[in-house]
Amino acid sequence: MNEPLIERKKKTKMKEKLGGIRLTSQRKAILETVQGMCTHPTADEVYQKIRGSLPKVSLATVYRNLENLSEAGFIRKVEHAGTAKRFDGNLAPHQHIRCIRCGTIEDVHESPEMTEMVAKQIQTDFTIVGHLIEIQGICPNCQKSMEA
C-alpha cells in the first residue's frame, strides 16, 4: 500500500548522474550552453546567455558548475596566461588558435599524423599521453582593422 509513495520518493531522489555529479537543471543548462557555443565562452558569457532562462542563477554558480563540469571531463577548460578562463564543449581531439589582438579562440583540427609527429619530436623520459598546443595569430577581423 505504501509502495507507490516509496517509489515516488525514490524517483524524486534519483537524479540523473553525470560523471559522478548530479545533473541539476542549472548544470544541464550550463553544459548545453557551452556545448552549443563554438566561441569558447568565458563564465561571464555563459552567465549572460543563460540568465534569460534561469534568472535566479548567479555568476558564482555558473563559474562553480563550469569548474565541476570541467573536472568531470564533460567540457575542457582553456586557460592562457593573462586571459580569462574559457570553456570548450568540443571534446574531440583538437588544438586552438588564439588572436593575439582580440583574444578570439578558434578550433584547429589536427591529423593523427601531427599528433604522432609531436610525440616523436619531444625528447623526454615522460610517457606522453597527450598535448595541448596554443597557436597564436591575428584573426581576419583584426587584420582588416589593421589595414584600415
N, C-alpha and C. Protein backbone atom coordinates (compact mmCIF):
# COMPACT_ATOMS: atom_id res chain seq x y z
N MET A 1 0.82 -1.19 0.00
CA MET A 1 0.00 0.00 0.00
C MET A 1 0.86 1.26 0.00
N ASN A 2 1.94 1.27 0.79
CA ASN A 2 2.85 2.41 0.81
C ASN A 2 3.85 2.37 -0.33
N GLU A 3 3.90 1.28 -1.06
CA GLU A 3 4.90 1.13 -2.11
C GLU A 3 4.88 2.24 -3.14
N PRO A 4 3.74 2.65 -3.66
CA PRO A 4 3.76 3.74 -4.63
C PRO A 4 4.39 5.02 -4.08
N LEU A 5 4.15 5.33 -2.81
CA LEU A 5 4.75 6.52 -2.20
C LEU A 5 6.26 6.37 -2.11
N ILE A 6 6.73 5.19 -1.72
CA ILE A 6 8.16 4.93 -1.64
C ILE A 6 8.78 5.03 -3.03
N GLU A 7 8.13 4.44 -4.02
CA GLU A 7 8.66 4.51 -5.39
C GLU A 7 8.75 5.96 -5.87
N ARG A 8 7.74 6.76 -5.55
CA ARG A 8 7.76 8.18 -5.95
C ARG A 8 8.91 8.91 -5.28
N LYS A 9 9.16 8.60 -4.01
CA LYS A 9 10.27 9.24 -3.31
C LYS A 9 11.60 8.84 -3.93
N LYS A 10 11.71 7.54 -4.28
CA LYS A 10 12.94 7.09 -4.92
C LYS A 10 13.17 7.83 -6.23
N LYS A 11 12.11 7.96 -7.01
CA LYS A 11 12.23 8.65 -8.29
C LYS A 11 12.57 10.12 -8.09
N THR A 12 12.00 10.73 -7.07
CA THR A 12 12.29 12.13 -6.78
C THR A 12 13.73 12.29 -6.35
N LYS A 13 14.21 11.36 -5.51
CA LYS A 13 15.58 11.45 -5.02
C LYS A 13 16.60 11.07 -6.08
N MET A 14 16.17 10.16 -6.99
CA MET A 14 17.10 9.75 -8.04
C MET A 14 17.30 10.91 -9.00
N LYS A 15 18.51 11.33 -9.11
CA LYS A 15 18.86 12.39 -10.05
C LYS A 15 19.71 11.76 -11.14
N GLU A 16 19.54 12.28 -12.31
CA GLU A 16 20.40 11.83 -13.40
C GLU A 16 21.84 12.15 -13.02
N LYS A 17 22.74 11.20 -13.20
CA LYS A 17 24.13 11.40 -12.83
C LYS A 17 24.96 11.72 -14.07
N LEU A 18 25.93 12.57 -13.89
CA LEU A 18 26.80 12.99 -14.97
C LEU A 18 28.23 12.93 -14.45
N GLY A 19 28.97 11.90 -14.82
CA GLY A 19 30.35 11.78 -14.38
C GLY A 19 30.51 11.85 -12.88
N GLY A 20 29.55 11.28 -12.15
CA GLY A 20 29.64 11.30 -10.70
C GLY A 20 29.06 12.54 -10.06
N ILE A 21 28.58 13.50 -10.86
CA ILE A 21 27.95 14.70 -10.30
C ILE A 21 26.49 14.73 -10.74
N ARG A 22 25.66 15.28 -9.87
CA ARG A 22 24.23 15.37 -10.19
C ARG A 22 24.01 16.32 -11.36
N LEU A 23 23.11 15.94 -12.24
CA LEU A 23 22.77 16.80 -13.37
C LEU A 23 21.55 17.64 -12.98
N THR A 24 21.81 18.74 -12.28
CA THR A 24 20.75 19.66 -11.88
C THR A 24 20.29 20.44 -13.11
N SER A 25 19.18 21.12 -13.00
CA SER A 25 18.69 21.91 -14.14
C SER A 25 19.67 23.02 -14.50
N GLN A 26 20.29 23.62 -13.48
CA GLN A 26 21.28 24.66 -13.75
C GLN A 26 22.50 24.08 -14.45
N ARG A 27 23.00 22.97 -13.94
CA ARG A 27 24.19 22.35 -14.53
C ARG A 27 23.92 21.90 -15.96
N LYS A 28 22.72 21.35 -16.19
CA LYS A 28 22.35 20.91 -17.53
C LYS A 28 22.30 22.11 -18.49
N ALA A 29 21.72 23.21 -18.05
CA ALA A 29 21.63 24.41 -18.89
C ALA A 29 23.02 24.96 -19.20
N ILE A 30 23.90 24.93 -18.22
CA ILE A 30 25.27 25.42 -18.42
C ILE A 30 26.01 24.52 -19.41
N LEU A 31 25.90 23.22 -19.23
CA LEU A 31 26.55 22.26 -20.12
C LEU A 31 26.05 22.44 -21.56
N GLU A 32 24.74 22.51 -21.73
CA GLU A 32 24.16 22.66 -23.07
C GLU A 32 24.57 23.98 -23.70
N THR A 33 24.69 25.02 -22.89
CA THR A 33 25.10 26.32 -23.41
C THR A 33 26.52 26.27 -23.93
N VAL A 34 27.43 25.71 -23.14
CA VAL A 34 28.83 25.61 -23.58
C VAL A 34 28.94 24.73 -24.82
N GLN A 35 28.24 23.61 -24.83
CA GLN A 35 28.30 22.70 -25.97
C GLN A 35 27.70 23.33 -27.22
N GLY A 36 26.80 24.28 -27.05
CA GLY A 36 26.15 24.95 -28.18
C GLY A 36 26.89 26.17 -28.70
N MET A 37 27.99 26.53 -28.04
CA MET A 37 28.75 27.72 -28.46
C MET A 37 30.12 27.29 -28.98
N CYS A 38 30.49 27.77 -30.14
CA CYS A 38 31.81 27.43 -30.68
C CYS A 38 32.81 28.55 -30.41
N THR A 39 32.44 29.51 -29.57
CA THR A 39 33.29 30.68 -29.30
C THR A 39 34.17 30.51 -28.07
N HIS A 40 34.13 29.34 -27.43
CA HIS A 40 34.91 29.11 -26.22
C HIS A 40 34.59 30.19 -25.18
N PRO A 41 33.35 30.18 -24.68
CA PRO A 41 32.89 31.28 -23.82
C PRO A 41 33.57 31.32 -22.45
N THR A 42 33.60 32.52 -21.88
CA THR A 42 34.04 32.71 -20.50
C THR A 42 32.84 32.41 -19.60
N ALA A 43 33.08 32.33 -18.30
CA ALA A 43 31.99 32.12 -17.35
C ALA A 43 30.97 33.25 -17.48
N ASP A 44 31.44 34.48 -17.64
CA ASP A 44 30.54 35.62 -17.77
C ASP A 44 29.67 35.51 -19.02
N GLU A 45 30.24 35.05 -20.12
CA GLU A 45 29.47 34.89 -21.36
C GLU A 45 28.41 33.80 -21.20
N VAL A 46 28.75 32.72 -20.52
CA VAL A 46 27.77 31.65 -20.26
C VAL A 46 26.66 32.21 -19.37
N TYR A 47 27.05 32.94 -18.34
CA TYR A 47 26.09 33.56 -17.42
C TYR A 47 25.12 34.47 -18.17
N GLN A 48 25.64 35.33 -19.03
CA GLN A 48 24.80 36.25 -19.80
C GLN A 48 23.83 35.48 -20.70
N LYS A 49 24.30 34.38 -21.26
CA LYS A 49 23.47 33.59 -22.18
C LYS A 49 22.33 32.87 -21.47
N ILE A 50 22.57 32.34 -20.26
CA ILE A 50 21.52 31.55 -19.59
C ILE A 50 20.65 32.37 -18.64
N ARG A 51 21.02 33.60 -18.39
CA ARG A 51 20.26 34.42 -17.44
C ARG A 51 18.78 34.56 -17.81
N GLY A 52 18.49 34.60 -19.10
CA GLY A 52 17.10 34.72 -19.53
C GLY A 52 16.25 33.52 -19.12
N SER A 53 16.82 32.32 -19.26
CA SER A 53 16.06 31.12 -18.91
C SER A 53 16.19 30.74 -17.44
N LEU A 54 17.25 31.20 -16.78
CA LEU A 54 17.45 30.93 -15.35
C LEU A 54 17.77 32.25 -14.64
N PRO A 55 16.77 33.09 -14.44
CA PRO A 55 17.02 34.43 -13.91
C PRO A 55 17.59 34.46 -12.49
N LYS A 56 17.44 33.38 -11.73
CA LYS A 56 17.93 33.37 -10.35
C LYS A 56 19.36 32.84 -10.23
N VAL A 57 19.95 32.38 -11.33
CA VAL A 57 21.29 31.83 -11.27
C VAL A 57 22.31 32.96 -11.08
N SER A 58 23.34 32.70 -10.28
CA SER A 58 24.37 33.71 -10.04
C SER A 58 25.62 33.39 -10.87
N LEU A 59 26.46 34.40 -11.05
CA LEU A 59 27.71 34.19 -11.76
C LEU A 59 28.58 33.18 -11.01
N ALA A 60 28.57 33.23 -9.69
CA ALA A 60 29.36 32.28 -8.89
C ALA A 60 28.89 30.84 -9.14
N THR A 61 27.58 30.64 -9.27
CA THR A 61 27.03 29.31 -9.54
C THR A 61 27.49 28.83 -10.91
N VAL A 62 27.45 29.72 -11.89
CA VAL A 62 27.89 29.37 -13.24
C VAL A 62 29.37 28.98 -13.20
N TYR A 63 30.18 29.80 -12.57
CA TYR A 63 31.61 29.53 -12.51
C TYR A 63 31.89 28.20 -11.82
N ARG A 64 31.27 27.96 -10.68
CA ARG A 64 31.47 26.72 -9.92
C ARG A 64 31.06 25.50 -10.76
N ASN A 65 29.93 25.61 -11.46
CA ASN A 65 29.46 24.49 -12.27
C ASN A 65 30.35 24.27 -13.50
N LEU A 66 30.88 25.33 -14.08
CA LEU A 66 31.82 25.16 -15.19
C LEU A 66 33.06 24.40 -14.71
N GLU A 67 33.55 24.76 -13.53
CA GLU A 67 34.71 24.06 -12.96
C GLU A 67 34.37 22.58 -12.71
N ASN A 68 33.19 22.31 -12.14
CA ASN A 68 32.77 20.93 -11.86
C ASN A 68 32.64 20.13 -13.15
N LEU A 69 32.04 20.73 -14.17
CA LEU A 69 31.88 20.04 -15.46
C LEU A 69 33.23 19.78 -16.12
N SER A 70 34.14 20.71 -15.95
CA SER A 70 35.49 20.55 -16.49
C SER A 70 36.23 19.42 -15.76
N GLU A 71 36.16 19.42 -14.44
CA GLU A 71 36.81 18.37 -13.65
C GLU A 71 36.23 16.99 -13.94
N ALA A 72 34.93 16.94 -14.25
CA ALA A 72 34.28 15.67 -14.55
C ALA A 72 34.54 15.22 -15.99
N GLY A 73 35.17 16.09 -16.79
CA GLY A 73 35.55 15.72 -18.15
C GLY A 73 34.48 15.94 -19.20
N PHE A 74 33.48 16.75 -18.92
CA PHE A 74 32.41 16.98 -19.89
C PHE A 74 32.59 18.24 -20.72
N ILE A 75 33.49 19.10 -20.30
CA ILE A 75 33.92 20.25 -21.08
C ILE A 75 35.41 20.42 -20.81
N ARG A 76 36.08 21.20 -21.64
CA ARG A 76 37.50 21.47 -21.40
C ARG A 76 37.67 22.92 -20.99
N LYS A 77 38.59 23.12 -20.07
CA LYS A 77 38.96 24.46 -19.65
C LYS A 77 40.10 24.92 -20.55
N VAL A 78 39.97 26.13 -21.11
CA VAL A 78 41.01 26.68 -21.97
C VAL A 78 41.60 27.86 -21.23
N GLU A 79 42.84 27.68 -20.76
CA GLU A 79 43.49 28.73 -19.97
C GLU A 79 44.76 29.18 -20.66
N HIS A 80 44.91 30.47 -20.76
CA HIS A 80 46.13 31.07 -21.29
C HIS A 80 46.54 32.18 -20.34
N ALA A 81 47.81 32.27 -20.06
CA ALA A 81 48.32 33.27 -19.12
C ALA A 81 47.82 34.66 -19.49
N GLY A 82 47.32 35.37 -18.48
CA GLY A 82 46.89 36.75 -18.67
C GLY A 82 45.52 36.92 -19.30
N THR A 83 44.79 35.82 -19.51
CA THR A 83 43.46 35.93 -20.11
C THR A 83 42.44 35.22 -19.22
N ALA A 84 41.17 35.53 -19.44
CA ALA A 84 40.09 34.89 -18.68
C ALA A 84 40.00 33.41 -19.09
N LYS A 85 39.62 32.56 -18.14
CA LYS A 85 39.39 31.15 -18.46
C LYS A 85 38.24 31.07 -19.44
N ARG A 86 38.40 30.19 -20.40
CA ARG A 86 37.33 29.93 -21.36
C ARG A 86 37.02 28.44 -21.29
N PHE A 87 35.88 28.06 -21.82
CA PHE A 87 35.44 26.68 -21.74
C PHE A 87 35.04 26.19 -23.12
N ASP A 88 35.33 24.92 -23.38
CA ASP A 88 35.15 24.33 -24.69
C ASP A 88 34.28 23.08 -24.55
N GLY A 89 33.17 23.05 -25.25
CA GLY A 89 32.27 21.90 -25.23
C GLY A 89 32.65 20.83 -26.23
N ASN A 90 33.63 21.11 -27.08
CA ASN A 90 34.07 20.16 -28.09
C ASN A 90 35.19 19.31 -27.50
N LEU A 91 34.89 18.04 -27.25
CA LEU A 91 35.87 17.15 -26.63
C LEU A 91 36.66 16.33 -27.64
N ALA A 92 36.36 16.50 -28.93
CA ALA A 92 37.12 15.79 -29.96
C ALA A 92 38.56 16.33 -29.96
N PRO A 93 39.53 15.50 -30.31
CA PRO A 93 40.92 15.98 -30.31
C PRO A 93 41.10 17.18 -31.25
N HIS A 94 41.58 18.27 -30.71
CA HIS A 94 41.86 19.46 -31.50
C HIS A 94 42.71 20.42 -30.68
N GLN A 95 43.26 21.40 -31.34
CA GLN A 95 44.04 22.44 -30.70
C GLN A 95 43.31 23.77 -30.89
N HIS A 96 43.91 24.84 -30.40
CA HIS A 96 43.29 26.16 -30.51
C HIS A 96 44.25 27.16 -31.13
N ILE A 97 43.67 28.08 -31.87
CA ILE A 97 44.42 29.23 -32.36
C ILE A 97 43.81 30.45 -31.71
N ARG A 98 44.66 31.32 -31.16
CA ARG A 98 44.18 32.50 -30.42
C ARG A 98 44.70 33.76 -31.08
N CYS A 99 43.79 34.72 -31.29
CA CYS A 99 44.19 36.01 -31.82
C CYS A 99 44.90 36.80 -30.73
N ILE A 100 46.10 37.27 -31.02
CA ILE A 100 46.89 38.00 -30.02
C ILE A 100 46.39 39.43 -29.83
N ARG A 101 45.46 39.88 -30.68
CA ARG A 101 44.94 41.23 -30.53
C ARG A 101 43.62 41.25 -29.77
N CYS A 102 42.66 40.42 -30.18
CA CYS A 102 41.32 40.48 -29.56
C CYS A 102 41.02 39.29 -28.64
N GLY A 103 41.83 38.24 -28.69
CA GLY A 103 41.62 37.08 -27.82
C GLY A 103 40.69 36.02 -28.37
N THR A 104 40.15 36.21 -29.58
CA THR A 104 39.28 35.21 -30.18
C THR A 104 40.00 33.87 -30.24
N ILE A 105 39.28 32.81 -29.93
CA ILE A 105 39.85 31.46 -29.98
C ILE A 105 39.02 30.63 -30.96
N GLU A 106 39.70 29.91 -31.83
CA GLU A 106 39.04 29.01 -32.75
C GLU A 106 39.69 27.64 -32.67
N ASP A 107 38.94 26.63 -33.07
CA ASP A 107 39.46 25.26 -33.09
C ASP A 107 40.34 25.05 -34.31
N VAL A 108 41.39 24.28 -34.13
CA VAL A 108 42.26 23.82 -35.22
C VAL A 108 42.27 22.31 -35.10
N HIS A 109 41.76 21.65 -36.12
CA HIS A 109 41.72 20.19 -36.07
C HIS A 109 43.03 19.63 -36.59
N GLU A 110 43.54 18.65 -35.90
CA GLU A 110 44.83 18.08 -36.26
C GLU A 110 44.65 16.66 -36.75
N SER A 111 45.57 16.24 -37.56
CA SER A 111 45.54 14.88 -38.08
C SER A 111 46.24 13.95 -37.08
N PRO A 112 45.94 12.67 -37.15
CA PRO A 112 46.66 11.72 -36.29
C PRO A 112 48.17 11.75 -36.54
N GLU A 113 48.55 12.06 -37.78
CA GLU A 113 49.97 12.14 -38.12
C GLU A 113 50.65 13.28 -37.35
N MET A 114 49.93 14.39 -37.17
CA MET A 114 50.51 15.52 -36.42
C MET A 114 50.73 15.12 -34.97
N THR A 115 49.76 14.45 -34.39
CA THR A 115 49.88 14.01 -33.00
C THR A 115 51.09 13.08 -32.85
N GLU A 116 51.23 12.14 -33.77
CA GLU A 116 52.35 11.21 -33.73
C GLU A 116 53.68 11.94 -33.90
N MET A 117 53.72 12.93 -34.81
CA MET A 117 54.94 13.68 -35.06
C MET A 117 55.36 14.47 -33.82
N VAL A 118 54.40 15.11 -33.17
CA VAL A 118 54.70 15.89 -31.96
C VAL A 118 55.29 14.97 -30.90
N ALA A 119 54.68 13.82 -30.69
CA ALA A 119 55.17 12.88 -29.67
C ALA A 119 56.58 12.40 -29.98
N LYS A 120 56.90 12.18 -31.25
CA LYS A 120 58.23 11.70 -31.64
C LYS A 120 59.30 12.77 -31.49
N GLN A 121 58.93 14.05 -31.63
CA GLN A 121 59.90 15.14 -31.60
C GLN A 121 60.34 15.53 -30.19
N ILE A 122 59.59 15.13 -29.20
CA ILE A 122 59.88 15.54 -27.83
C ILE A 122 60.85 14.56 -27.19
N GLN A 123 61.96 15.09 -26.68
CA GLN A 123 62.97 14.28 -26.01
C GLN A 123 62.69 14.34 -24.50
N THR A 124 62.18 13.25 -23.96
CA THR A 124 61.84 13.22 -22.54
C THR A 124 61.77 11.79 -22.04
N ASP A 125 61.86 11.64 -20.73
CA ASP A 125 61.65 10.34 -20.10
C ASP A 125 60.19 10.12 -19.75
N PHE A 126 59.36 11.14 -19.97
CA PHE A 126 57.93 11.04 -19.70
C PHE A 126 57.29 10.08 -20.71
N THR A 127 56.20 9.45 -20.30
CA THR A 127 55.32 8.76 -21.23
C THR A 127 54.31 9.79 -21.67
N ILE A 128 54.33 10.13 -22.93
CA ILE A 128 53.44 11.18 -23.44
C ILE A 128 52.04 10.61 -23.63
N VAL A 129 51.07 11.26 -23.00
CA VAL A 129 49.68 10.81 -23.09
C VAL A 129 48.80 11.80 -23.85
N GLY A 130 49.36 12.96 -24.17
CA GLY A 130 48.61 13.95 -24.92
C GLY A 130 49.39 15.24 -24.98
N HIS A 131 48.83 16.21 -25.68
CA HIS A 131 49.48 17.51 -25.76
C HIS A 131 48.44 18.59 -26.04
N LEU A 132 48.77 19.80 -25.63
CA LEU A 132 47.97 20.98 -25.91
C LEU A 132 48.91 22.01 -26.51
N ILE A 133 48.60 22.44 -27.69
CA ILE A 133 49.43 23.43 -28.36
C ILE A 133 48.60 24.67 -28.58
N GLU A 134 49.14 25.82 -28.19
CA GLU A 134 48.46 27.08 -28.46
C GLU A 134 49.13 27.71 -29.68
N ILE A 135 48.35 27.91 -30.70
CA ILE A 135 48.83 28.58 -31.90
C ILE A 135 48.35 30.01 -31.80
N GLN A 136 49.24 30.94 -32.07
CA GLN A 136 48.89 32.36 -31.97
C GLN A 136 48.92 33.00 -33.35
N GLY A 137 48.04 33.96 -33.54
CA GLY A 137 48.00 34.67 -34.81
C GLY A 137 47.13 35.90 -34.69
N ILE A 138 46.80 36.48 -35.82
CA ILE A 138 45.91 37.64 -35.88
C ILE A 138 44.71 37.24 -36.73
N CYS A 139 43.53 37.33 -36.14
CA CYS A 139 42.30 36.86 -36.81
C CYS A 139 41.95 37.77 -37.99
N PRO A 140 41.11 37.30 -38.90
CA PRO A 140 40.73 38.12 -40.07
C PRO A 140 40.12 39.46 -39.71
N ASN A 141 39.30 39.53 -38.66
CA ASN A 141 38.71 40.83 -38.27
C ASN A 141 39.78 41.81 -37.84
N CYS A 142 40.74 41.36 -37.06
CA CYS A 142 41.81 42.26 -36.60
C CYS A 142 42.72 42.63 -37.78
N GLN A 143 42.92 41.71 -38.71
CA GLN A 143 43.72 42.02 -39.89
C GLN A 143 43.07 43.15 -40.68
N LYS A 144 41.75 43.09 -40.81
CA LYS A 144 41.01 44.13 -41.54
C LYS A 144 41.13 45.47 -40.83
N SER A 145 41.00 45.47 -39.49
CA SER A 145 41.07 46.73 -38.76
C SER A 145 42.49 47.31 -38.79
N MET A 146 43.50 46.46 -38.96
CA MET A 146 44.88 46.94 -39.07
C MET A 146 45.13 47.60 -40.43
N GLU A 147 44.42 47.13 -41.44
CA GLU A 147 44.57 47.67 -42.79
C GLU A 147 43.88 49.01 -42.93
N ALA A 148 42.84 49.23 -42.15
CA ALA A 148 42.05 50.47 -42.28
C ALA A 148 42.76 51.68 -41.73
